[in-house]
């Protein structure tokens, strides 16, 4: 009888240990995936904020330049600030972020966006 109980105990452990290990591994995998996704979202938010600042900065400082020249200045400024913060940006990302920031600014400010202020 005692031998049977020990045998049942070993069989139960033989089943439970791999199940618990599998559950633990799956938990760690999901946790790491969540952390990575959170980091990506934070990085994207930082990139968007920098693009917004780049567009506003260029609009304020280089208001007398043409559109493509201002775009180039914004791209240059954005790339420099991103590098300072350790963010990696491809030229396509820079273009997309600046275009999105310009669209957002135009939507927010309407016809006033392209006008020079009286102080200028």
PDB file of N, CA and C in Angstrom:
ATOM      1  N   UNK A   1       0.808  -1.185   0.000  1.00  0.00           N
ATOM      2  CA  UNK A   1       0.000   0.000   0.000  1.00  0.00           C
ATOM      3  C   UNK A   1       0.863   1.265   0.000  1.00  0.00           C
ATOM      4  N   UNK A   2       1.881   1.257   0.853  1.00  0.00           N
ATOM      5  CA  UNK A   2       2.776   2.403   0.955  1.00  0.00           C
ATOM      6  C   UNK A   2       3.524   2.616  -0.355  1.00  0.00           C
ATOM      7  N   UNK A   3       3.907   1.550  -0.983  1.00  0.00           N
ATOM      8  CA  UNK A   3       4.623   1.611  -2.256  1.00  0.00           C
ATOM      9  C   UNK A   3       3.725   2.224  -3.319  1.00  0.00           C
ATOM     10  N   UNK A   4       2.459   1.875  -3.313  1.00  0.00           N
ATOM     11  CA  UNK A   4       1.499   2.420  -4.277  1.00  0.00           C
ATOM     12  C   UNK A   4       1.356   3.933  -4.096  1.00  0.00           C
ATOM     13  N   UNK A   5       1.290   4.390  -2.850  1.00  0.00           N
ATOM     14  CA  UNK A   5       1.166   5.830  -2.583  1.00  0.00           C
ATOM     15  C   UNK A   5       2.405   6.582  -3.072  1.00  0.00           C
ATOM     16  N   UNK A   6       3.554   6.025  -2.841  1.00  0.00           N
ATOM     17  CA  UNK A   6       4.803   6.650  -3.297  1.00  0.00           C
ATOM     18  C   UNK A   6       4.824   6.691  -4.820  1.00  0.00           C
ATOM     19  N   UNK A   7       4.399   5.613  -5.432  1.00  0.00           N
ATOM     20  CA  UNK A   7       4.359   5.554  -6.898  1.00  0.00           C
ATOM     21  C   UNK A   7       3.379   6.593  -7.462  1.00  0.00           C
ATOM     22  N   UNK A   8       2.223   6.731  -6.841  1.00  0.00           N
ATOM     23  CA  UNK A   8       1.242   7.741  -7.283  1.00  0.00           C
ATOM     24  C   UNK A   8       1.821   9.143  -7.099  1.00  0.00           C
ATOM     25  N   UNK A   9       2.519   9.362  -6.006  1.00  0.00           N
ATOM     26  CA  UNK A   9       3.165  10.656  -5.750  1.00  0.00           C
ATOM     27  C   UNK A   9       4.186  10.996  -6.825  1.00  0.00           C
ATOM     28  N   UNK A  10       5.023  10.014  -7.183  1.00  0.00           N
ATOM     29  CA  UNK A  10       6.019  10.229  -8.244  1.00  0.00           C
ATOM     30  C   UNK A  10       5.345  10.505  -9.587  1.00  0.00           C
ATOM     31  N   UNK A  11       4.281   9.772  -9.884  1.00  0.00           N
ATOM     32  CA  UNK A  11       3.555   9.996 -11.141  1.00  0.00           C
ATOM     33  C   UNK A  11       2.946  11.402 -11.187  1.00  0.00           C
ATOM     34  N   UNK A  12       2.396  11.822 -10.036  1.00  0.00           N
ATOM     35  CA  UNK A  12       1.812  13.164  -9.966  1.00  0.00           C
ATOM     36  C   UNK A  12       2.895  14.221 -10.174  1.00  0.00           C
ATOM     37  N   UNK A  13       4.046  14.028  -9.546  1.00  0.00           N
ATOM     38  CA  UNK A  13       5.159  14.974  -9.726  1.00  0.00           C
ATOM     39  C   UNK A  13       5.663  14.972 -11.163  1.00  0.00           C
ATOM     40  N   UNK A  14       5.672  13.792 -11.776  1.00  0.00           N
ATOM     41  CA  UNK A  14       6.130  13.680 -13.163  1.00  0.00           C
ATOM     42  C   UNK A  14       5.225  14.472 -14.099  1.00  0.00           C
ATOM     43  N   UNK A  15       3.976  14.626 -13.722  1.00  0.00           N
ATOM     44  CA  UNK A  15       3.029  15.401 -14.544  1.00  0.00           C
ATOM     45  C   UNK A  15       3.078  16.883 -14.153  1.00  0.00           C
ATOM     46  N   UNK A  16       3.085  17.167 -12.865  1.00  0.00           N
ATOM     47  CA  UNK A  16       3.006  18.560 -12.388  1.00  0.00           C
ATOM     48  C   UNK A  16       4.255  19.382 -12.690  1.00  0.00           C
ATOM     49  N   UNK A  17       5.427  18.810 -12.525  1.00  0.00           N
ATOM     50  CA  UNK A  17       6.655  19.574 -12.729  1.00  0.00           C
ATOM     51  C   UNK A  17       6.752  20.112 -14.167  1.00  0.00           C
ATOM     52  N   UNK A  18       6.588  19.309 -15.214  1.00  0.00           N
ATOM     53  CA  UNK A  18       6.648  19.883 -16.572  1.00  0.00           C
ATOM     54  C   UNK A  18       5.547  20.914 -16.833  1.00  0.00           C
ATOM     55  N   UNK A  19       4.362  20.688 -16.272  1.00  0.00           N
ATOM     56  CA  UNK A  19       3.262  21.655 -16.457  1.00  0.00           C
ATOM     57  C   UNK A  19       3.629  22.984 -15.800  1.00  0.00           C
ATOM     58  N   UNK A  20       4.131  22.939 -14.573  1.00  0.00           N
ATOM     59  CA  UNK A  20       4.509  24.166 -13.882  1.00  0.00           C
ATOM     60  C   UNK A  20       5.660  24.890 -14.578  1.00  0.00           C
ATOM     61  N   UNK A  21       6.616  24.143 -15.085  1.00  0.00           N
ATOM     62  CA  UNK A  21       7.729  24.751 -15.825  1.00  0.00           C
ATOM     63  C   UNK A  21       7.215  25.419 -17.094  1.00  0.00           C
ATOM     64  N   UNK A  22       6.316  24.759 -17.802  1.00  0.00           N
ATOM     65  CA  UNK A  22       5.738  25.321 -19.021  1.00  0.00           C
ATOM     66  C   UNK A  22       4.960  26.593 -18.715  1.00  0.00           C
ATOM     67  N   UNK A  23       4.179  26.594 -17.672  1.00  0.00           N
ATOM     68  CA  UNK A  23       3.429  27.788 -17.269  1.00  0.00           C
ATOM     69  C   UNK A  23       4.391  28.920 -16.913  1.00  0.00           C
ATOM     70  N   UNK A  24       5.441  28.611 -16.187  1.00  0.00           N
ATOM     71  CA  UNK A  24       6.437  29.627 -15.824  1.00  0.00           C
ATOM     72  C   UNK A  24       7.124  30.227 -17.040  1.00  0.00           C
ATOM     73  N   UNK A  25       7.491  29.378 -17.982  1.00  0.00           N
ATOM     74  CA  UNK A  25       8.144  29.858 -19.208  1.00  0.00           C
ATOM     75  C   UNK A  25       7.193  30.740 -20.003  1.00  0.00           C
ATOM     76  N   UNK A  26       5.948  30.339 -20.131  1.00  0.00           N
ATOM     77  CA  UNK A  26       4.951  31.125 -20.865  1.00  0.00           C
ATOM     78  C   UNK A  26       4.723  32.477 -20.189  1.00  0.00           C
ATOM     79  N   UNK A  27       4.678  32.491 -18.868  1.00  0.00           N
ATOM     80  CA  UNK A  27       4.521  33.743 -18.129  1.00  0.00           C
ATOM     81  C   UNK A  27       5.687  34.687 -18.418  1.00  0.00           C
ATOM     82  N   UNK A  28       6.898  34.177 -18.365  1.00  0.00           N
ATOM     83  CA  UNK A  28       8.081  35.002 -18.632  1.00  0.00           C
ATOM     84  C   UNK A  28       8.092  35.520 -20.074  1.00  0.00           C
ATOM     85  N   UNK A  29       7.702  34.671 -21.007  1.00  0.00           N
ATOM     86  CA  UNK A  29       7.664  35.075 -22.417  1.00  0.00           C
ATOM     87  C   UNK A  29       6.676  36.215 -22.625  1.00  0.00           C
ATOM     88  N   UNK A  30       5.509  36.095 -22.032  1.00  0.00           N
ATOM     89  CA  UNK A  30       4.491  37.145 -22.163  1.00  0.00           C
ATOM     90  C   UNK A  30       4.924  38.425 -21.468  1.00  0.00           C
ATOM     91  N   UNK A  31       5.524  38.287 -20.312  1.00  0.00           N
ATOM     92  CA  UNK A  31       5.994  39.455 -19.559  1.00  0.00           C
ATOM     93  C   UNK A  31       7.055  40.204 -20.354  1.00  0.00           C
ATOM     94  N   UNK A  32       7.977  39.472 -20.949  1.00  0.00           N
ATOM     95  CA  UNK A  32       9.034  40.100 -21.750  1.00  0.00           C
ATOM     96  C   UNK A  32       8.428  40.758 -22.979  1.00  0.00           C
ATOM     97  N   UNK A  33       7.430  40.138 -23.579  1.00  0.00           N
ATOM     98  CA  UNK A  33       6.770  40.723 -24.742  1.00  0.00           C
ATOM     99  C   UNK A  33       6.055  42.010 -24.379  1.00  0.00           C
ATOM    100  N   UNK A  34       5.422  42.038 -23.228  1.00  0.00           N
ATOM    101  CA  UNK A  34       4.725  43.231 -22.755  1.00  0.00           C
ATOM    102  C   UNK A  34       5.711  44.357 -22.492  1.00  0.00           C
ATOM    103  N   UNK A  35       6.822  44.033 -21.871  1.00  0.00           N
ATOM    104  CA  UNK A  35       7.840  45.050 -21.590  1.00  0.00           C
ATOM    105  C   UNK A  35       8.410  45.623 -22.885  1.00  0.00           C
ATOM    106  N   UNK A  36       8.644  44.756 -23.861  1.00  0.00           N
ATOM    107  CA  UNK A  36       9.186  45.212 -25.132  1.00  0.00           C
ATOM    108  C   UNK A  36       8.181  46.114 -25.844  1.00  0.00           C
ATOM    109  N   UNK A  37       6.908  45.734 -25.817  1.00  0.00           N
ATOM    110  CA  UNK A  37       5.869  46.547 -26.449  1.00  0.00           C
ATOM    111  C   UNK A  37       5.768  47.913 -25.768  1.00  0.00           C
ATOM    112  N   UNK A  38       5.869  47.931 -24.458  1.00  0.00           N
ATOM    113  CA  UNK A  38       5.815  49.190 -23.705  1.00  0.00           C
ATOM    114  C   UNK A  38       6.983  50.091 -24.104  1.00  0.00           C
ATOM    115  N   UNK A  39       8.157  49.510 -24.242  1.00  0.00           N
ATOM    116  CA  UNK A  39       9.344  50.278 -24.630  1.00  0.00           C
ATOM    117  C   UNK A  39       9.164  50.855 -26.034  1.00  0.00           C
ATOM    118  N   UNK A  40       8.620  50.064 -26.948  1.00  0.00           N
ATOM    119  CA  UNK A  40       8.396  50.529 -28.319  1.00  0.00           C
ATOM    120  C   UNK A  40       7.405  51.693 -28.323  1.00  0.00           C
ATOM    121  N   UNK A  41       6.338  51.590 -27.541  1.00  0.00           N
ATOM    122  CA  UNK A  41       5.347  52.659 -27.470  1.00  0.00           C
ATOM    123  C   UNK A  41       5.952  53.940 -26.899  1.00  0.00           C
ATOM    124  N   UNK A  42       6.779  53.817 -25.877  1.00  0.00           N
ATOM    125  CA  UNK A  42       7.433  54.984 -25.285  1.00  0.00           C
ATOM    126  C   UNK A  42       8.384  55.639 -26.287  1.00  0.00           C
ATOM    127  N   UNK A  43       9.100  54.819 -27.041  1.00  0.00           N
ATOM    128  CA  UNK A  43      10.013  55.334 -28.056  1.00  0.00           C
ATOM    129  C   UNK A  43       9.258  56.081 -29.144  1.00  0.00           C
ATOM    130  N   UNK A  44       8.156  55.514 -29.596  1.00  0.00           N
ATOM    131  CA  UNK A  44       7.350  56.155 -30.631  1.00  0.00           C
ATOM    132  C   UNK A  44       6.793  57.484 -30.133  1.00  0.00           C
ATOM    133  N   UNK A  45       6.338  57.531 -28.903  1.00  0.00           N
ATOM    134  CA  UNK A  45       5.824  58.778 -28.330  1.00  0.00           C
ATOM    135  C   UNK A  45       6.927  59.839 -28.279  1.00  0.00           C
ATOM    136  N   UNK A  46       8.132  59.435 -27.908  1.00  0.00           N
ATOM    137  CA  UNK A  46       9.258  60.378 -27.864  1.00  0.00           C
ATOM    138  C   UNK A  46       9.600  60.882 -29.264  1.00  0.00           C
ATOM    139  N   UNK A  47       9.564  60.000 -30.239  1.00  0.00           N
ATOM    140  CA  UNK A  47       9.853  60.397 -31.623  1.00  0.00           C
ATOM    141  C   UNK A  47       8.801  61.375 -32.144  1.00  0.00           C
ATOM    142  N   UNK A  48       7.525  61.102 -31.843  1.00  0.00           N
ATOM    143  CA  UNK A  48       6.451  61.994 -32.279  1.00  0.00           C
ATOM    144  C   UNK A  48       6.599  63.375 -31.638  1.00  0.00           C
ATOM    145  N   UNK A  49       6.934  63.395 -30.364  1.00  0.00           N
ATOM    146  CA  UNK A  49       7.122  64.668 -29.658  1.00  0.00           C
ATOM    147  C   UNK A  49       8.280  65.456 -30.266  1.00  0.00           C
ATOM    148  N   UNK A  50       9.358  64.778 -30.572  1.00  0.00           N
ATOM    149  CA  UNK A  50      10.495  65.453 -31.206  1.00  0.00           C
ATOM    150  C   UNK A  50      10.124  65.993 -32.580  1.00  0.00           C
ATOM    151  N   UNK A  51       9.363  65.237 -33.340  1.00  0.00           N
ATOM    152  CA  UNK A  51       8.938  65.691 -34.670  1.00  0.00           C
ATOM    153  C   UNK A  51       8.061  66.926 -34.549  1.00  0.00           C
ATOM    154  N   UNK A  52       7.165  66.924 -33.587  1.00  0.00           N
ATOM    155  CA  UNK A  52       6.298  68.076 -33.355  1.00  0.00           C
ATOM    156  C   UNK A  52       7.133  69.310 -33.001  1.00  0.00           C
ATOM    157  N   UNK A  53       8.103  69.120 -32.118  1.00  0.00           N
ATOM    158  CA  UNK A  53       9.002  70.222 -31.750  1.00  0.00           C
ATOM    159  C   UNK A  53       9.810  70.703 -32.949  1.00  0.00           C
ATOM    160  N   UNK A  54      10.276  69.772 -33.774  1.00  0.00           N
ATOM    161  CA  UNK A  54      11.067  70.137 -34.953  1.00  0.00           C
ATOM    162  C   UNK A  54      10.254  71.004 -35.900  1.00  0.00           C
ATOM    163  N   UNK A  55       9.024  70.622 -36.156  1.00  0.00           N
ATOM    164  CA  UNK A  55       8.162  71.380 -37.075  1.00  0.00           C
ATOM    165  C   UNK A  55       7.881  72.772 -36.508  1.00  0.00           C
ATOM    166  N   UNK A  56       7.549  72.863 -35.242  1.00  0.00           N
ATOM    167  CA  UNK A  56       7.268  74.160 -34.623  1.00  0.00           C
ATOM    168  C   UNK A  56       8.516  75.035 -34.575  1.00  0.00           C
ATOM    169  N   UNK A  57       9.643  74.433 -34.276  1.00  0.00           N
ATOM    170  CA  UNK A  57      10.906  75.164 -34.215  1.00  0.00           C
ATOM    171  C   UNK A  57      11.260  75.759 -35.575  1.00  0.00           C
ATOM    172  N   UNK A  58      11.175  74.935 -36.587  1.00  0.00           N
ATOM    173  CA  UNK A  58      11.519  75.390 -37.939  1.00  0.00           C
ATOM    174  C   UNK A  58      10.527  76.450 -38.411  1.00  0.00           C
ATOM    175  N   UNK A  59       9.268  76.280 -38.101  1.00  0.00           N
ATOM    176  CA  UNK A  59       8.260  77.278 -38.487  1.00  0.00           C
ATOM    177  C   UNK A  59       8.563  78.620 -37.825  1.00  0.00           C
ATOM    178  N   UNK A  60       9.041  78.588 -36.605  1.00  0.00           N
ATOM    179  CA  UNK A  60       9.342  79.818 -35.865  1.00  0.00           C
ATOM    180  C   UNK A  60      10.658  80.452 -36.318  1.00  0.00           C
ATOM    181  N   UNK A  61      11.692  79.652 -36.472  1.00  0.00           N
ATOM    182  CA  UNK A  61      13.031  80.193 -36.744  1.00  0.00           C
ATOM    183  C   UNK A  61      13.271  80.441 -38.228  1.00  0.00           C
ATOM    184  N   UNK A  62      12.859  79.517 -39.077  1.00  0.00           N
ATOM    185  CA  UNK A  62      13.130  79.638 -40.511  1.00  0.00           C
ATOM    186  C   UNK A  62      11.843  79.854 -41.303  1.00  0.00           C
ATOM    187  N   UNK A  63      11.006  80.766 -40.820  1.00  0.00           N
ATOM    188  CA  UNK A  63       9.727  81.040 -41.459  1.00  0.00           C
ATOM    189  C   UNK A  63       9.876  81.571 -42.873  1.00  0.00           C
ATOM    190  N   UNK A  64      11.031  82.185 -43.181  1.00  0.00           N
ATOM    191  CA  UNK A  64      11.229  82.787 -44.500  1.00  0.00           C
ATOM    192  C   UNK A  64      11.698  81.789 -45.562  1.00  0.00           C
ATOM    193  N   UNK A  65      11.999  80.558 -45.169  1.00  0.00           N
ATOM    194  CA  UNK A  65      12.425  79.550 -46.137  1.00  0.00           C
ATOM    195  C   UNK A  65      11.213  78.936 -46.832  1.00  0.00           C
ATOM    196  N   UNK A  66      11.461  78.327 -47.981  1.00  0.00           N
ATOM    197  CA  UNK A  66      10.382  77.639 -48.708  1.00  0.00           C
ATOM    198  C   UNK A  66      10.044  76.322 -47.998  1.00  0.00           C
ATOM    199  N   UNK A  67       8.942  75.718 -48.396  1.00  0.00           N
ATOM    200  CA  UNK A  67       8.491  74.463 -47.779  1.00  0.00           C
ATOM    201  C   UNK A  67       9.537  73.364 -47.778  1.00  0.00           C
ATOM    202  N   UNK A  68      10.128  73.035 -48.942  1.00  0.00           N
ATOM    203  CA  UNK A  68      11.135  71.966 -48.957  1.00  0.00           C
ATOM    204  C   UNK A  68      12.376  72.293 -48.115  1.00  0.00           C
ATOM    205  N   UNK A  69      12.747  73.570 -48.081  1.00  0.00           N
ATOM    206  CA  UNK A  69      13.912  73.960 -47.267  1.00  0.00           C
ATOM    207  C   UNK A  69      13.599  73.816 -45.780  1.00  0.00           C
ATOM    208  N   UNK A  70      12.389  74.212 -45.399  1.00  0.00           N
ATOM    209  CA  UNK A  70      11.984  74.058 -43.993  1.00  0.00           C
ATOM    210  C   UNK A  70      11.888  72.575 -43.624  1.00  0.00           C
ATOM    211  N   UNK A  71      11.392  71.780 -44.555  1.00  0.00           N
ATOM    212  CA  UNK A  71      11.310  70.333 -44.314  1.00  0.00           C
ATOM    213  C   UNK A  71      12.707  69.780 -44.056  1.00  0.00           C
ATOM    214  N   UNK A  72      13.666  70.188 -44.877  1.00  0.00           N
ATOM    215  CA  UNK A  72      15.048  69.711 -44.716  1.00  0.00           C
ATOM    216  C   UNK A  72      15.620  70.149 -43.369  1.00  0.00           C
ATOM    217  N   UNK A  73      15.331  71.382 -42.958  1.00  0.00           N
ATOM    218  CA  UNK A  73      15.816  71.874 -41.658  1.00  0.00           C
ATOM    219  C   UNK A  73      15.166  71.086 -40.516  1.00  0.00           C
ATOM    220  N   UNK A  74      13.873  70.816 -40.654  1.00  0.00           N
ATOM    221  CA  UNK A  74      13.179  70.042 -39.616  1.00  0.00           C
ATOM    222  C   UNK A  74      13.755  68.629 -39.538  1.00  0.00           C
ATOM    223  N   UNK A  75      14.029  68.021 -40.683  1.00  0.00           N
ATOM    224  CA  UNK A  75      14.604  66.671 -40.710  1.00  0.00           C
ATOM    225  C   UNK A  75      15.986  66.669 -40.060  1.00  0.00           C
ATOM    226  N   UNK A  76      16.765  67.674 -40.361  1.00  0.00           N
ATOM    227  CA  UNK A  76      18.115  67.802 -39.787  1.00  0.00           C
ATOM    228  C   UNK A  76      18.034  67.966 -38.265  1.00  0.00           C
ATOM    229  N   UNK A  77      17.143  68.849 -37.815  1.00  0.00           N
ATOM    230  CA  UNK A  77      16.986  69.102 -36.384  1.00  0.00           C
ATOM    231  C   UNK A  77      16.489  67.848 -35.673  1.00  0.00           C
ATOM    232  N   UNK A  78      15.509  67.183 -36.261  1.00  0.00           N
ATOM    233  CA  UNK A  78      14.952  65.967 -35.665  1.00  0.00           C
ATOM    234  C   UNK A  78      16.008  64.872 -35.553  1.00  0.00           C
ATOM    235  N   UNK A  79      16.781  64.674 -36.595  1.00  0.00           N
ATOM    236  CA  UNK A  79      17.822  63.638 -36.574  1.00  0.00           C
ATOM    237  C   UNK A  79      18.858  63.926 -35.486  1.00  0.00           C
ATOM    238  N   UNK A  80      19.228  65.188 -35.354  1.00  0.00           N
ATOM    239  CA  UNK A  80      20.227  65.565 -34.343  1.00  0.00           C
ATOM    240  C   UNK A  80      19.694  65.339 -32.928  1.00  0.00           C
ATOM    241  N   UNK A  81      18.470  65.774 -32.660  1.00  0.00           N
ATOM    242  CA  UNK A  81      17.891  65.608 -31.320  1.00  0.00           C
ATOM    243  C   UNK A  81      17.662  64.131 -31.006  1.00  0.00           C
ATOM    244  N   UNK A  82      17.229  63.366 -31.981  1.00  0.00           N
ATOM    245  CA  UNK A  82      17.015  61.935 -31.762  1.00  0.00           C
ATOM    246  C   UNK A  82      18.338  61.250 -31.421  1.00  0.00           C
ATOM    247  N   UNK A  83      19.389  61.602 -32.132  1.00  0.00           N
ATOM    248  CA  UNK A  83      20.705  61.018 -31.862  1.00  0.00           C
ATOM    249  C   UNK A  83      21.173  61.372 -30.448  1.00  0.00           C
ATOM    250  N   UNK A  84      20.919  62.605 -30.022  1.00  0.00           N
ATOM    251  CA  UNK A  84      21.290  63.026 -28.670  1.00  0.00           C
ATOM    252  C   UNK A  84      20.601  62.175 -27.605  1.00  0.00           C
ATOM    253  N   UNK A  85      19.376  61.758 -27.899  1.00  0.00           N
ATOM    254  CA  UNK A  85      18.606  60.975 -26.930  1.00  0.00           C
ATOM    255  C   UNK A  85      18.758  59.471 -27.138  1.00  0.00           C
ATOM    256  N   UNK A  86      19.583  59.085 -28.090  1.00  0.00           N
ATOM    257  CA  UNK A  86      19.830  57.669 -28.324  1.00  0.00           C
ATOM    258  C   UNK A  86      18.721  56.974 -29.103  1.00  0.00           C
ATOM    259  N   UNK A  87      17.908  57.748 -29.799  1.00  0.00           N
ATOM    260  CA  UNK A  87      16.834  57.172 -30.620  1.00  0.00           C
ATOM    261  C   UNK A  87      17.336  56.987 -32.043  1.00  0.00           C
ATOM    262  N   UNK A  88      17.047  55.846 -32.618  1.00  0.00           N
ATOM    263  CA  UNK A  88      17.456  55.577 -33.994  1.00  0.00           C
ATOM    264  C   UNK A  88      16.289  55.878 -34.920  1.00  0.00           C
ATOM    265  N   UNK A  89      16.568  56.665 -35.965  1.00  0.00           N
ATOM    266  CA  UNK A  89      15.554  57.029 -36.946  1.00  0.00           C
ATOM    267  C   UNK A  89      16.093  56.812 -38.349  1.00  0.00           C
ATOM    268  N   UNK A  90      15.306  56.152 -39.177  1.00  0.00           N
ATOM    269  CA  UNK A  90      15.671  56.027 -40.589  1.00  0.00           C
ATOM    270  C   UNK A  90      15.156  57.275 -41.306  1.00  0.00           C
ATOM    271  N   UNK A  91      15.632  57.491 -42.524  1.00  0.00           N
ATOM    272  CA  UNK A  91      15.174  58.661 -43.274  1.00  0.00           C
ATOM    273  C   UNK A  91      13.678  58.569 -43.561  1.00  0.00           C
ATOM    274  N   UNK A  92      13.164  57.360 -43.768  1.00  0.00           N
ATOM    275  CA  UNK A  92      11.724  57.192 -43.981  1.00  0.00           C
ATOM    276  C   UNK A  92      10.933  57.531 -42.715  1.00  0.00           C
ATOM    277  N   UNK A  93      11.448  57.131 -41.563  1.00  0.00           N
ATOM    278  CA  UNK A  93      10.782  57.471 -40.305  1.00  0.00           C
ATOM    279  C   UNK A  93      10.761  58.976 -40.104  1.00  0.00           C
ATOM    280  N   UNK A  94      11.888  59.621 -40.369  1.00  0.00           N
ATOM    281  CA  UNK A  94      11.972  61.076 -40.227  1.00  0.00           C
ATOM    282  C   UNK A  94      10.942  61.745 -41.123  1.00  0.00           C
ATOM    283  N   UNK A  95      10.883  61.314 -42.366  1.00  0.00           N
ATOM    284  CA  UNK A  95       9.933  61.900 -43.309  1.00  0.00           C
ATOM    285  C   UNK A  95       8.501  61.699 -42.817  1.00  0.00           C
ATOM    286  N   UNK A  96       8.164  60.499 -42.425  1.00  0.00           N
ATOM    287  CA  UNK A  96       6.810  60.211 -41.957  1.00  0.00           C
ATOM    288  C   UNK A  96       6.442  60.979 -40.703  1.00  0.00           C
ATOM    289  N   UNK A  97       7.363  61.055 -39.756  1.00  0.00           N
ATOM    290  CA  UNK A  97       7.098  61.777 -38.506  1.00  0.00           C
ATOM    291  C   UNK A  97       6.906  63.271 -38.756  1.00  0.00           C
ATOM    292  N   UNK A  98       7.730  63.844 -39.616  1.00  0.00           N
ATOM    293  CA  UNK A  98       7.607  65.276 -39.910  1.00  0.00           C
ATOM    294  C   UNK A  98       6.314  65.551 -40.672  1.00  0.00           C
ATOM    295  N   UNK A  99       6.003  64.717 -41.654  1.00  0.00           N
ATOM    296  CA  UNK A  99       4.753  64.903 -42.404  1.00  0.00           C
ATOM    297  C   UNK A  99       3.551  64.823 -41.472  1.00  0.00           C
ATOM    298  N   UNK A 100       3.559  63.880 -40.556  1.00  0.00           N
ATOM    299  CA  UNK A 100       2.451  63.739 -39.603  1.00  0.00           C
ATOM    300  C   UNK A 100       2.364  64.952 -38.682  1.00  0.00           C
ATOM    301  N   UNK A 101       3.511  65.446 -38.232  1.00  0.00           N
ATOM    302  CA  UNK A 101       3.527  66.621 -37.356  1.00  0.00           C
ATOM    303  C   UNK A 101       3.031  67.861 -38.098  1.00  0.00           C
ATOM    304  N   UNK A 102       3.411  68.005 -39.361  1.00  0.00           N
ATOM    305  CA  UNK A 102       2.937  69.138 -40.168  1.00  0.00           C
ATOM    306  C   UNK A 102       1.419  69.056 -40.333  1.00  0.00           C
ATOM    307  N   UNK A 103       0.927  67.861 -40.668  1.00  0.00           N
ATOM    308  CA  UNK A 103      -0.519  67.689 -40.844  1.00  0.00           C
ATOM    309  C   UNK A 103      -1.264  68.031 -39.558  1.00  0.00           C
ATOM    310  N   UNK A 104      -0.743  67.567 -38.427  1.00  0.00           N
ATOM    311  CA  UNK A 104      -1.363  67.840 -37.136  1.00  0.00           C
ATOM    312  C   UNK A 104      -1.368  69.342 -36.850  1.00  0.00           C
ATOM    313  N   UNK A 105      -0.252  70.005 -37.109  1.00  0.00           N
ATOM    314  CA  UNK A 105      -0.160  71.458 -36.877  1.00  0.00           C
ATOM    315  C   UNK A 105      -1.140  72.204 -37.768  1.00  0.00           C
ATOM    316  N   UNK A 106      -1.237  71.818 -39.024  1.00  0.00           N
ATOM    317  CA  UNK A 106      -2.169  72.480 -39.947  1.00  0.00           C
ATOM    318  C   UNK A 106      -3.613  72.244 -39.506  1.00  0.00           C
ATOM    319  N   UNK A 107      -3.903  71.047 -39.026  1.00  0.00           N
ATOM    320  CA  UNK A 107      -5.248  70.760 -38.539  1.00  0.00           C
ATOM    321  C   UNK A 107      -5.567  71.570 -37.285  1.00  0.00           C
ATOM    322  N   UNK A 108      -4.585  71.733 -36.417  1.00  0.00           N
ATOM    323  CA  UNK A 108      -4.792  72.459 -35.167  1.00  0.00           C
ATOM    324  C   UNK A 108      -4.896  73.968 -35.383  1.00  0.00           C
ATOM    325  N   UNK A 109      -4.015  74.504 -36.226  1.00  0.00           N
ATOM    326  CA  UNK A 109      -3.932  75.952 -36.382  1.00  0.00           C
ATOM    327  C   UNK A 109      -4.654  76.484 -37.619  1.00  0.00           C
ATOM    328  N   UNK A 110      -5.083  75.620 -38.488  1.00  0.00           N
ATOM    329  CA  UNK A 110      -5.828  76.034 -39.677  1.00  0.00           C
ATOM    330  C   UNK A 110      -5.043  76.996 -40.553  1.00  0.00           C
ATOM    331  N   UNK A 111      -5.709  78.041 -41.020  1.00  0.00           N
ATOM    332  CA  UNK A 111      -5.087  79.008 -41.927  1.00  0.00           C
ATOM    333  C   UNK A 111      -3.982  79.824 -41.269  1.00  0.00           C
ATOM    334  N   UNK A 112      -3.980  79.878 -39.955  1.00  0.00           N
ATOM    335  CA  UNK A 112      -2.966  80.660 -39.229  1.00  0.00           C
ATOM    336  C   UNK A 112      -1.582  80.012 -39.272  1.00  0.00           C
ATOM    337  N   UNK A 113      -1.517  78.727 -39.592  1.00  0.00           N
ATOM    338  CA  UNK A 113      -0.241  78.007 -39.539  1.00  0.00           C
ATOM    339  C   UNK A 113       0.812  78.615 -40.440  1.00  0.00           C
ATOM    340  N   UNK A 114       0.497  78.944 -41.659  1.00  0.00           N
ATOM    341  CA  UNK A 114       1.512  79.413 -42.608  1.00  0.00           C
ATOM    342  C   UNK A 114       1.762  80.900 -42.566  1.00  0.00           C
ATOM    343  N   UNK A 115       0.985  81.641 -41.804  1.00  0.00           N
ATOM    344  CA  UNK A 115       1.136  83.101 -41.754  1.00  0.00           C
ATOM    345  C   UNK A 115       2.274  83.505 -40.832  1.00  0.00           C
ATOM    346  N   UNK A 116       2.871  84.630 -41.176  1.00  0.00           N
ATOM    347  CA  UNK A 116       3.896  85.200 -40.314  1.00  0.00           C
ATOM    348  C   UNK A 116       3.208  85.958 -39.202  1.00  0.00           C
ATOM    349  N   UNK A 117       3.787  85.888 -38.015  1.00  0.00           N
ATOM    350  CA  UNK A 117       3.210  86.637 -36.911  1.00  0.00           C
ATOM    351  C   UNK A 117       3.656  88.089 -37.009  1.00  0.00           C
ATOM    352  N   UNK A 118       2.934  89.037 -36.386  1.00  0.00           N
ATOM    353  CA  UNK A 118       3.316  90.454 -36.456  1.00  0.00           C
ATOM    354  C   UNK A 118       4.702  90.723 -35.914  1.00  0.00           C
ATOM    355  N   UNK A 119       5.165  89.912 -34.982  1.00  0.00           N
ATOM    356  CA  UNK A 119       6.500  90.091 -34.394  1.00  0.00           C
ATOM    357  C   UNK A 119       7.593  89.712 -35.367  1.00  0.00           C
ATOM    358  N   UNK A 120       7.236  88.963 -36.416  1.00  0.00           N
ATOM    359  CA  UNK A 120       8.248  88.514 -37.355  1.00  0.00           C
ATOM    360  C   UNK A 120       8.421  89.592 -38.352  1.00  0.00           C
TER     361      UNK A 120
END
